[in-house]
PDB file of N, CA and C in Angstrom:
ATOM      1  N   MET A   1      17.448 -35.020 -10.553  1.00  0.00           N
ATOM      2  CA  MET A   1      16.150 -35.029 -11.205  1.00  0.00           C
ATOM      3  C   MET A   1      15.359 -36.268 -10.797  1.00  0.00           C
ATOM      4  N   PRO A   2      14.050 -36.086 -10.602  1.00  0.00           N
ATOM      5  CA  PRO A   2      13.214 -37.237 -10.249  1.00  0.00           C
ATOM      6  C   PRO A   2      13.043 -38.170 -11.451  1.00  0.00           C
ATOM      7  N   ASN A   3      13.086 -39.439 -11.187  1.00  0.00           N
ATOM      8  CA  ASN A   3      13.000 -40.423 -12.274  1.00  0.00           C
ATOM      9  C   ASN A   3      11.621 -41.060 -12.391  1.00  0.00           C
ATOM     10  N   THR A   4      10.993 -41.330 -11.278  1.00  0.00           N
ATOM     11  CA  THR A   4       9.704 -42.021 -11.330  1.00  0.00           C
ATOM     12  C   THR A   4       8.556 -41.025 -11.404  1.00  0.00           C
ATOM     13  N   LYS A   5       7.391 -41.531 -11.812  1.00  0.00           N
ATOM     14  CA  LYS A   5       6.205 -40.686 -11.917  1.00  0.00           C
ATOM     15  C   LYS A   5       5.830 -40.072 -10.573  1.00  0.00           C
ATOM     16  N   SER A   6       5.888 -40.908  -9.540  1.00  0.00           N
ATOM     17  CA  SER A   6       5.501 -40.427  -8.211  1.00  0.00           C
ATOM     18  C   SER A   6       6.477 -39.360  -7.711  1.00  0.00           C
ATOM     19  N   ALA A   7       7.755 -39.503  -8.042  1.00  0.00           N
ATOM     20  CA  ALA A   7       8.754 -38.516  -7.629  1.00  0.00           C
ATOM     21  C   ALA A   7       8.521 -37.184  -8.334  1.00  0.00           C
ATOM     22  N   ILE A   8       8.105 -37.250  -9.587  1.00  0.00           N
ATOM     23  CA  ILE A   8       7.805 -36.027 -10.345  1.00  0.00           C
ATOM     24  C   ILE A   8       6.618 -35.306  -9.714  1.00  0.00           C
ATOM     25  N   ARG A   9       5.567 -36.074  -9.376  1.00  0.00           N
ATOM     26  CA  ARG A   9       4.399 -35.477  -8.727  1.00  0.00           C
ATOM     27  C   ARG A   9       4.780 -34.892  -7.374  1.00  0.00           C
ATOM     28  N   ARG A  10       5.640 -35.593  -6.670  1.00  0.00           N
ATOM     29  CA  ARG A  10       6.073 -35.136  -5.346  1.00  0.00           C
ATOM     30  C   ARG A  10       6.807 -33.791  -5.451  1.00  0.00           C
ATOM     31  N   VAL A  11       7.615 -33.614  -6.469  1.00  0.00           N
ATOM     32  CA  VAL A  11       8.332 -32.350  -6.661  1.00  0.00           C
ATOM     33  C   VAL A  11       7.347 -31.210  -6.852  1.00  0.00           C
ATOM     34  N   ARG A  12       6.307 -31.465  -7.659  1.00  0.00           N
ATOM     35  CA  ARG A  12       5.285 -30.430  -7.870  1.00  0.00           C
ATOM     36  C   ARG A  12       4.572 -30.094  -6.570  1.00  0.00           C
ATOM     37  N   ARG A  13       4.253 -31.116  -5.812  1.00  0.00           N
ATOM     38  CA  ARG A  13       3.546 -30.927  -4.547  1.00  0.00           C
ATOM     39  C   ARG A  13       4.396 -30.149  -3.546  1.00  0.00           C
ATOM     40  N   VAL A  14       5.677 -30.474  -3.481  1.00  0.00           N
ATOM     41  CA  VAL A  14       6.585 -29.790  -2.559  1.00  0.00           C
ATOM     42  C   VAL A  14       6.707 -28.312  -2.917  1.00  0.00           C
ATOM     43  N   LYS A  15       6.726 -27.993  -4.212  1.00  0.00           N
ATOM     44  CA  LYS A  15       6.783 -26.584  -4.639  1.00  0.00           C
ATOM     45  C   LYS A  15       5.575 -25.815  -4.111  1.00  0.00           C
ATOM     46  N   LYS A  16       4.398 -26.408  -4.263  1.00  0.00           N
ATOM     47  CA  LYS A  16       3.172 -25.755  -3.789  1.00  0.00           C
ATOM     48  C   LYS A  16       3.190 -25.600  -2.270  1.00  0.00           C
ATOM     49  N   GLN A  17       3.618 -26.661  -1.582  1.00  0.00           N
ATOM     50  CA  GLN A  17       3.669 -26.616  -0.120  1.00  0.00           C
ATOM     51  C   GLN A  17       4.645 -25.553   0.362  1.00  0.00           C
ATOM     52  N   THR A  18       5.767 -25.425  -0.340  1.00  0.00           N
ATOM     53  CA  THR A  18       6.766 -24.427   0.034  1.00  0.00           C
ATOM     54  C   THR A  18       6.190 -23.030  -0.083  1.00  0.00           C
ATOM     55  N   GLN A  19       5.446 -22.767  -1.161  1.00  0.00           N
ATOM     56  CA  GLN A  19       4.832 -21.454  -1.332  1.00  0.00           C
ATOM     57  C   GLN A  19       3.833 -21.165  -0.221  1.00  0.00           C
ATOM     58  N   VAL A  20       3.006 -22.148   0.113  1.00  0.00           N
ATOM     59  CA  VAL A  20       2.003 -21.970   1.157  1.00  0.00           C
ATOM     60  C   VAL A  20       2.680 -21.720   2.501  1.00  0.00           C
ATOM     61  N   ASN A  21       3.722 -22.498   2.793  1.00  0.00           N
ATOM     62  CA  ASN A  21       4.435 -22.338   4.055  1.00  0.00           C
ATOM     63  C   ASN A  21       5.116 -20.980   4.138  1.00  0.00           C
ATOM     64  N   ARG A  22       5.633 -20.503   3.021  1.00  0.00           N
ATOM     65  CA  ARG A  22       6.279 -19.188   2.995  1.00  0.00           C
ATOM     66  C   ARG A  22       5.266 -18.091   3.302  1.00  0.00           C
ATOM     67  N   ILE A  23       4.069 -18.220   2.756  1.00  0.00           N
ATOM     68  CA  ILE A  23       2.995 -17.260   3.022  1.00  0.00           C
ATOM     69  C   ILE A  23       2.628 -17.279   4.497  1.00  0.00           C
ATOM     70  N   ARG A  24       2.483 -18.488   5.047  1.00  0.00           N
ATOM     71  CA  ARG A  24       2.127 -18.617   6.456  1.00  0.00           C
ATOM     72  C   ARG A  24       3.206 -18.030   7.363  1.00  0.00           C
ATOM     73  N   LYS A  25       4.450 -18.287   7.028  1.00  0.00           N
ATOM     74  CA  LYS A  25       5.548 -17.787   7.857  1.00  0.00           C
ATOM     75  C   LYS A  25       5.601 -16.267   7.831  1.00  0.00           C
ATOM     76  N   SER A  26       5.370 -15.664   6.657  1.00  0.00           N
ATOM     77  CA  SER A  26       5.393 -14.209   6.577  1.00  0.00           C
ATOM     78  C   SER A  26       4.207 -13.609   7.338  1.00  0.00           C
ATOM     79  N   LYS A  27       3.065 -14.289   7.300  1.00  0.00           N
ATOM     80  CA  LYS A  27       1.885 -13.850   8.050  1.00  0.00           C
ATOM     81  C   LYS A  27       2.193 -13.840   9.549  1.00  0.00           C
ATOM     82  N   TYR A  28       2.862 -14.885   9.997  1.00  0.00           N
ATOM     83  CA  TYR A  28       3.274 -15.017  11.396  1.00  0.00           C
ATOM     84  C   TYR A  28       4.248 -13.901  11.790  1.00  0.00           C
ATOM     85  N   LYS A  29       5.251 -13.675  10.940  1.00  0.00           N
ATOM     86  CA  LYS A  29       6.258 -12.650  11.244  1.00  0.00           C
ATOM     87  C   LYS A  29       5.636 -11.254  11.264  1.00  0.00           C
ATOM     88  N   LYS A  30       4.709 -10.996  10.336  1.00  0.00           N
ATOM     89  CA  LYS A  30       4.031  -9.700  10.312  1.00  0.00           C
ATOM     90  C   LYS A  30       3.247  -9.468  11.595  1.00  0.00           C
ATOM     91  N   ALA A  31       2.569 -10.505  12.053  1.00  0.00           N
ATOM     92  CA  ALA A  31       1.761 -10.387  13.273  1.00  0.00           C
ATOM     93  C   ALA A  31       2.648 -10.086  14.473  1.00  0.00           C
ATOM     94  N   VAL A  32       3.780 -10.773  14.570  1.00  0.00           N
ATOM     95  CA  VAL A  32       4.700 -10.558  15.691  1.00  0.00           C
ATOM     96  C   VAL A  32       5.266  -9.145  15.650  1.00  0.00           C
ATOM     97  N   LYS A  33       5.679  -8.705  14.463  1.00  0.00           N
ATOM     98  CA  LYS A  33       6.237  -7.357  14.332  1.00  0.00           C
ATOM     99  C   LYS A  33       5.197  -6.288  14.660  1.00  0.00           C
ATOM    100  N   GLN A  34       3.965  -6.512  14.203  1.00  0.00           N
ATOM    101  CA  GLN A  34       2.887  -5.554  14.481  1.00  0.00           C
ATOM    102  C   GLN A  34       2.653  -5.429  15.976  1.00  0.00           C
ATOM    103  N   MET A  35       2.616  -6.557  16.650  1.00  0.00           N
ATOM    104  CA  MET A  35       2.410  -6.544  18.097  1.00  0.00           C
ATOM    105  C   MET A  35       3.576  -5.859  18.797  1.00  0.00           C
ATOM    106  N   GLU A  36       4.793  -6.116  18.353  1.00  0.00           N
ATOM    107  CA  GLU A  36       5.958  -5.471  18.964  1.00  0.00           C
ATOM    108  C   GLU A  36       5.933  -3.964  18.770  1.00  0.00           C
ATOM    109  N   THR A  37       5.475  -3.499  17.605  1.00  0.00           N
ATOM    110  CA  THR A  37       5.394  -2.057  17.385  1.00  0.00           C
ATOM    111  C   THR A  37       4.364  -1.419  18.307  1.00  0.00           C
ATOM    112  N   TYR A  38       3.234  -2.104  18.521  1.00  0.00           N
ATOM    113  CA  TYR A  38       2.233  -1.590  19.447  1.00  0.00           C
ATOM    114  C   TYR A  38       2.799  -1.493  20.858  1.00  0.00           C
ATOM    115  N   LEU A  39       3.531  -2.512  21.271  1.00  0.00           N
ATOM    116  CA  LEU A  39       4.069  -2.524  22.639  1.00  0.00           C
ATOM    117  C   LEU A  39       5.196  -1.502  22.806  1.00  0.00           C
ATOM    118  N   ASN A  40       6.038  -1.359  21.790  1.00  0.00           N
ATOM    119  CA  ASN A  40       7.135  -0.394  21.878  1.00  0.00           C
ATOM    120  C   ASN A  40       6.634   1.043  21.840  1.00  0.00           C
ATOM    121  N   ALA A  41       5.513   1.264  21.166  1.00  0.00           N
ATOM    122  CA  ALA A  41       4.945   2.609  21.072  1.00  0.00           C
ATOM    123  C   ALA A  41       4.016   2.918  22.239  1.00  0.00           C
ATOM    124  N   LYS A  42       3.945   2.013  23.212  1.00  0.00           N
ATOM    125  CA  LYS A  42       3.108   2.192  24.408  1.00  0.00           C
ATOM    126  C   LYS A  42       1.625   2.340  24.059  1.00  0.00           C
ATOM    127  N   GLU A  43       1.185   1.624  23.021  1.00  0.00           N
ATOM    128  CA  GLU A  43      -0.224   1.664  22.611  1.00  0.00           C
ATOM    129  C   GLU A  43      -0.913   0.389  23.086  1.00  0.00           C
ATOM    130  N   LYS A  44      -1.166   0.321  24.382  1.00  0.00           N
ATOM    131  CA  LYS A  44      -1.727  -0.904  24.958  1.00  0.00           C
ATOM    132  C   LYS A  44      -3.156  -1.175  24.484  1.00  0.00           C
ATOM    133  N   GLU A  45      -3.919  -0.132  24.214  1.00  0.00           N
ATOM    134  CA  GLU A  45      -5.299  -0.327  23.760  1.00  0.00           C
ATOM    135  C   GLU A  45      -5.322  -1.014  22.393  1.00  0.00           C
ATOM    136  N   LYS A  46      -4.464  -0.542  21.490  1.00  0.00           N
ATOM    137  CA  LYS A  46      -4.393  -1.170  20.168  1.00  0.00           C
ATOM    138  C   LYS A  46      -3.875  -2.590  20.285  1.00  0.00           C
ATOM    139  N   ALA A  47      -2.924  -2.792  21.180  1.00  0.00           N
ATOM    140  CA  ALA A  47      -2.368  -4.129  21.395  1.00  0.00           C
ATOM    141  C   ALA A  47      -3.442  -5.070  21.932  1.00  0.00           C
ATOM    142  N   LYS A  48      -4.286  -4.563  22.842  1.00  0.00           N
ATOM    143  CA  LYS A  48      -5.371  -5.389  23.390  1.00  0.00           C
ATOM    144  C   LYS A  48      -6.370  -5.779  22.307  1.00  0.00           C
ATOM    145  N   LYS A  49      -6.690  -4.825  21.428  1.00  0.00           N
ATOM    146  CA  LYS A  49      -7.627  -5.112  20.344  1.00  0.00           C
ATOM    147  C   LYS A  49      -7.037  -6.121  19.361  1.00  0.00           C
ATOM    148  N   PHE A  50      -5.741  -5.999  19.108  1.00  0.00           N
ATOM    149  CA  PHE A  50      -5.069  -6.857  18.133  1.00  0.00           C
ATOM    150  C   PHE A  50      -4.740  -8.237  18.709  1.00  0.00           C
ATOM    151  N   PHE A  51      -4.773  -8.359  20.037  1.00  0.00           N
ATOM    152  CA  PHE A  51      -4.312  -9.590  20.690  1.00  0.00           C
ATOM    153  C   PHE A  51      -5.082 -10.833  20.250  1.00  0.00           C
ATOM    154  N   SER A  52      -6.395 -10.746  20.112  1.00  0.00           N
ATOM    155  CA  SER A  52      -7.172 -11.936  19.727  1.00  0.00           C
ATOM    156  C   SER A  52      -6.811 -12.389  18.312  1.00  0.00           C
ATOM    157  N   LYS A  53      -6.624 -11.417  17.422  1.00  0.00           N
ATOM    158  CA  LYS A  53      -6.228 -11.758  16.056  1.00  0.00           C
ATOM    159  C   LYS A  53      -4.812 -12.331  16.042  1.00  0.00           C
ATOM    160  N   PHE A  54      -3.945 -11.731  16.846  1.00  0.00           N
ATOM    161  CA  PHE A  54      -2.554 -12.190  16.975  1.00  0.00           C
ATOM    162  C   PHE A  54      -2.522 -13.640  17.446  1.00  0.00           C
ATOM    163  N   GLN A  55      -3.310 -13.928  18.457  1.00  0.00           N
ATOM    164  CA  GLN A  55      -3.373 -15.274  19.017  1.00  0.00           C
ATOM    165  C   GLN A  55      -3.898 -16.257  17.966  1.00  0.00           C
ATOM    166  N   SER A  56      -4.904 -15.855  17.238  1.00  0.00           N
ATOM    167  CA  SER A  56      -5.495 -16.693  16.204  1.00  0.00           C
ATOM    168  C   SER A  56      -4.479 -17.022  15.115  1.00  0.00           C
ATOM    169  N   ILE A  57      -3.750 -16.013  14.656  1.00  0.00           N
ATOM    170  CA  ILE A  57      -2.755 -16.216  13.600  1.00  0.00           C
ATOM    171  C   ILE A  57      -1.678 -17.186  14.063  1.00  0.00           C
ATOM    172  N   LEU A  58      -1.180 -16.982  15.269  1.00  0.00           N
ATOM    173  CA  LEU A  58      -0.119 -17.851  15.771  1.00  0.00           C
ATOM    174  C   LEU A  58      -0.586 -19.293  15.913  1.00  0.00           C
ATOM    175  N   MET A  59      -1.810 -19.496  16.389  1.00  0.00           N
ATOM    176  CA  MET A  59      -2.301 -20.861  16.540  1.00  0.00           C
ATOM    177  C   MET A  59      -2.560 -21.527  15.188  1.00  0.00           C
ATOM    178  N   GLN A  60      -3.008 -20.770  14.204  1.00  0.00           N
ATOM    179  CA  GLN A  60      -3.203 -21.320  12.853  1.00  0.00           C
ATOM    180  C   GLN A  60      -1.884 -21.786  12.260  1.00  0.00           C
ATOM    181  N   VAL A  61      -0.870 -20.948  12.406  1.00  0.00           N
ATOM    182  CA  VAL A  61       0.447 -21.278  11.856  1.00  0.00           C
ATOM    183  C   VAL A  61       1.029 -22.481  12.591  1.00  0.00           C
ATOM    184  N   ALA A  62       0.817 -22.551  13.892  1.00  0.00           N
ATOM    185  CA  ALA A  62       1.315 -23.693  14.668  1.00  0.00           C
ATOM    186  C   ALA A  62       0.580 -24.972  14.278  1.00  0.00           C
ATOM    187  N   LYS A  63      -0.705 -24.852  14.025  1.00  0.00           N
ATOM    188  CA  LYS A  63      -1.491 -26.019  13.646  1.00  0.00           C
ATOM    189  C   LYS A  63      -1.002 -26.612  12.327  1.00  0.00           C
ATOM    190  N   SER A  64      -0.586 -25.740  11.406  1.00  0.00           N
ATOM    191  CA  SER A  64      -0.114 -26.216  10.110  1.00  0.00           C
ATOM    192  C   SER A  64       1.313 -26.748  10.177  1.00  0.00           C
ATOM    193  N   GLY A  65       2.018 -26.483  11.285  1.00  0.00           N
ATOM    194  CA  GLY A  65       3.348 -27.057  11.460  1.00  0.00           C
ATOM    195  C   GLY A  65       4.489 -26.170  11.012  1.00  0.00           C
ATOM    196  N   VAL A  66       4.202 -24.931  10.639  1.00  0.00           N
ATOM    197  CA  VAL A  66       5.276 -24.032  10.215  1.00  0.00           C
ATOM    198  C   VAL A  66       6.145 -23.664  11.411  1.00  0.00           C
ATOM    199  N   ILE A  67       5.512 -23.396  12.542  1.00  0.00           N
ATOM    200  CA  ILE A  67       6.237 -23.232  13.805  1.00  0.00           C
ATOM    201  C   ILE A  67       5.649 -24.234  14.789  1.00  0.00           C
ATOM    202  N   SER A  68       6.375 -24.527  15.843  1.00  0.00           N
ATOM    203  CA  SER A  68       5.866 -25.519  16.781  1.00  0.00           C
ATOM    204  C   SER A  68       4.806 -24.899  17.689  1.00  0.00           C
ATOM    205  N   LYS A  69       3.976 -25.748  18.258  1.00  0.00           N
ATOM    206  CA  LYS A  69       2.909 -25.277  19.135  1.00  0.00           C
ATOM    207  C   LYS A  69       3.479 -24.647  20.397  1.00  0.00           C
ATOM    208  N   ASN A  70       4.594 -25.178  20.857  1.00  0.00           N
ATOM    209  CA  ASN A  70       5.227 -24.609  22.052  1.00  0.00           C
ATOM    210  C   ASN A  70       5.730 -23.191  21.783  1.00  0.00           C
ATOM    211  N   THR A  71       6.277 -22.963  20.602  1.00  0.00           N
ATOM    212  CA  THR A  71       6.760 -21.630  20.242  1.00  0.00           C
ATOM    213  C   THR A  71       5.613 -20.633  20.229  1.00  0.00           C
ATOM    214  N   SER A  72       4.506 -21.006  19.592  1.00  0.00           N
ATOM    215  CA  SER A  72       3.375 -20.085  19.518  1.00  0.00           C
ATOM    216  C   SER A  72       2.804 -19.830  20.915  1.00  0.00           C
ATOM    217  N   SER A  73       2.701 -20.869  21.721  1.00  0.00           N
ATOM    218  CA  SER A  73       2.176 -20.703  23.075  1.00  0.00           C
ATOM    219  C   SER A  73       3.080 -19.813  23.911  1.00  0.00           C
ATOM    220  N   ARG A  74       4.377 -19.990  23.758  1.00  0.00           N
ATOM    221  CA  ARG A  74       5.332 -19.171  24.498  1.00  0.00           C
ATOM    222  C   ARG A  74       5.210 -17.695  24.103  1.00  0.00           C
ATOM    223  N   LYS A  75       5.124 -17.438  22.800  1.00  0.00           N
ATOM    224  CA  LYS A  75       5.006 -16.055  22.333  1.00  0.00           C
ATOM    225  C   LYS A  75       3.710 -15.419  22.824  1.00  0.00           C
ATOM    226  N   ILE A  76       2.622 -16.163  22.737  1.00  0.00           N
ATOM    227  CA  ILE A  76       1.326 -15.651  23.195  1.00  0.00           C
ATOM    228  C   ILE A  76       1.384 -15.345  24.688  1.00  0.00           C
ATOM    229  N   SER A  77       1.973 -16.240  25.445  1.00  0.00           N
ATOM    230  CA  SER A  77       2.066 -16.060  26.889  1.00  0.00           C
ATOM    231  C   SER A  77       2.875 -14.820  27.248  1.00  0.00           C
ATOM    232  N   ARG A  78       4.013 -14.650  26.611  1.00  0.00           N
ATOM    233  CA  ARG A  78       4.879 -13.508  26.929  1.00  0.00           C
ATOM    234  C   ARG A  78       4.234 -12.186  26.533  1.00  0.00           C
ATOM    235  N   ILE A  79       3.563 -12.183  25.388  1.00  0.00           N
ATOM    236  CA  ILE A  79       2.897 -10.962  24.948  1.00  0.00           C
ATOM    237  C   ILE A  79       1.728 -10.635  25.873  1.00  0.00           C
ATOM    238  N   SER A  80       0.956 -11.643  26.269  1.00  0.00           N
ATOM    239  CA  SER A  80      -0.184 -11.379  27.146  1.00  0.00           C
ATOM    240  C   SER A  80       0.284 -10.854  28.505  1.00  0.00           C
ATOM    241  N   LYS A  81       1.419 -11.327  28.958  1.00  0.00           N
ATOM    242  CA  LYS A  81       1.986 -10.815  30.213  1.00  0.00           C
ATOM    243  C   LYS A  81       2.288  -9.328  30.080  1.00  0.00           C
ATOM    244  N   LYS A  82       2.878  -8.952  28.937  1.00  0.00           N
ATOM    245  CA  LYS A  82       3.231  -7.545  28.719  1.00  0.00           C
ATOM    246  C   LYS A  82       1.984  -6.662  28.613  1.00  0.00           C
ATOM    247  N   ILE A  83       0.935  -7.181  27.981  1.00  0.00           N
ATOM    248  CA  ILE A  83      -0.270  -6.382  27.767  1.00  0.00           C
ATOM    249  C   ILE A  83      -1.111  -6.283  29.032  1.00  0.00           C
ATOM    250  N   PHE A  84      -1.381  -7.407  29.666  1.00  0.00           N
ATOM    251  CA  PHE A  84      -2.379  -7.444  30.719  1.00  0.00           C
ATOM    252  C   PHE A  84      -1.832  -7.341  32.136  1.00  0.00           C
ATOM    253  N   SER A  85      -0.516  -7.229  32.299  1.00  0.00           N
ATOM    254  CA  SER A  85       0.016  -7.066  33.659  1.00  0.00           C
ATOM    255  C   SER A  85      -0.060  -5.601  34.054  1.00  0.00           C
ATOM    256  N   LYS A  86      -0.584  -5.367  35.205  1.00  0.00           N
ATOM    257  CA  LYS A  86      -0.757  -4.018  35.791  1.00  0.00           C
ATOM    258  C   LYS A  86      -1.427  -3.135  34.825  1.00  0.00           C
TER     259      LYS A  86
END
């Protein structure tokens, strides 16, 4: 248990941050799964339309620190290769 006033406030703050991070992480996972379903179903047109939103979501989550910037860049790069190659 936290003993000092600042430690008590910190516990409250961490709870809120955890909830926000959980929301962001689920948003990220949903976007990745959605893109994978488009690619597995051979729906390249839908994937192309969704790509800008997908890229935006991944960069937002990376900016907040839930995932690293390298991870988001790698995922975006690999997905764009699958969509826009040939």
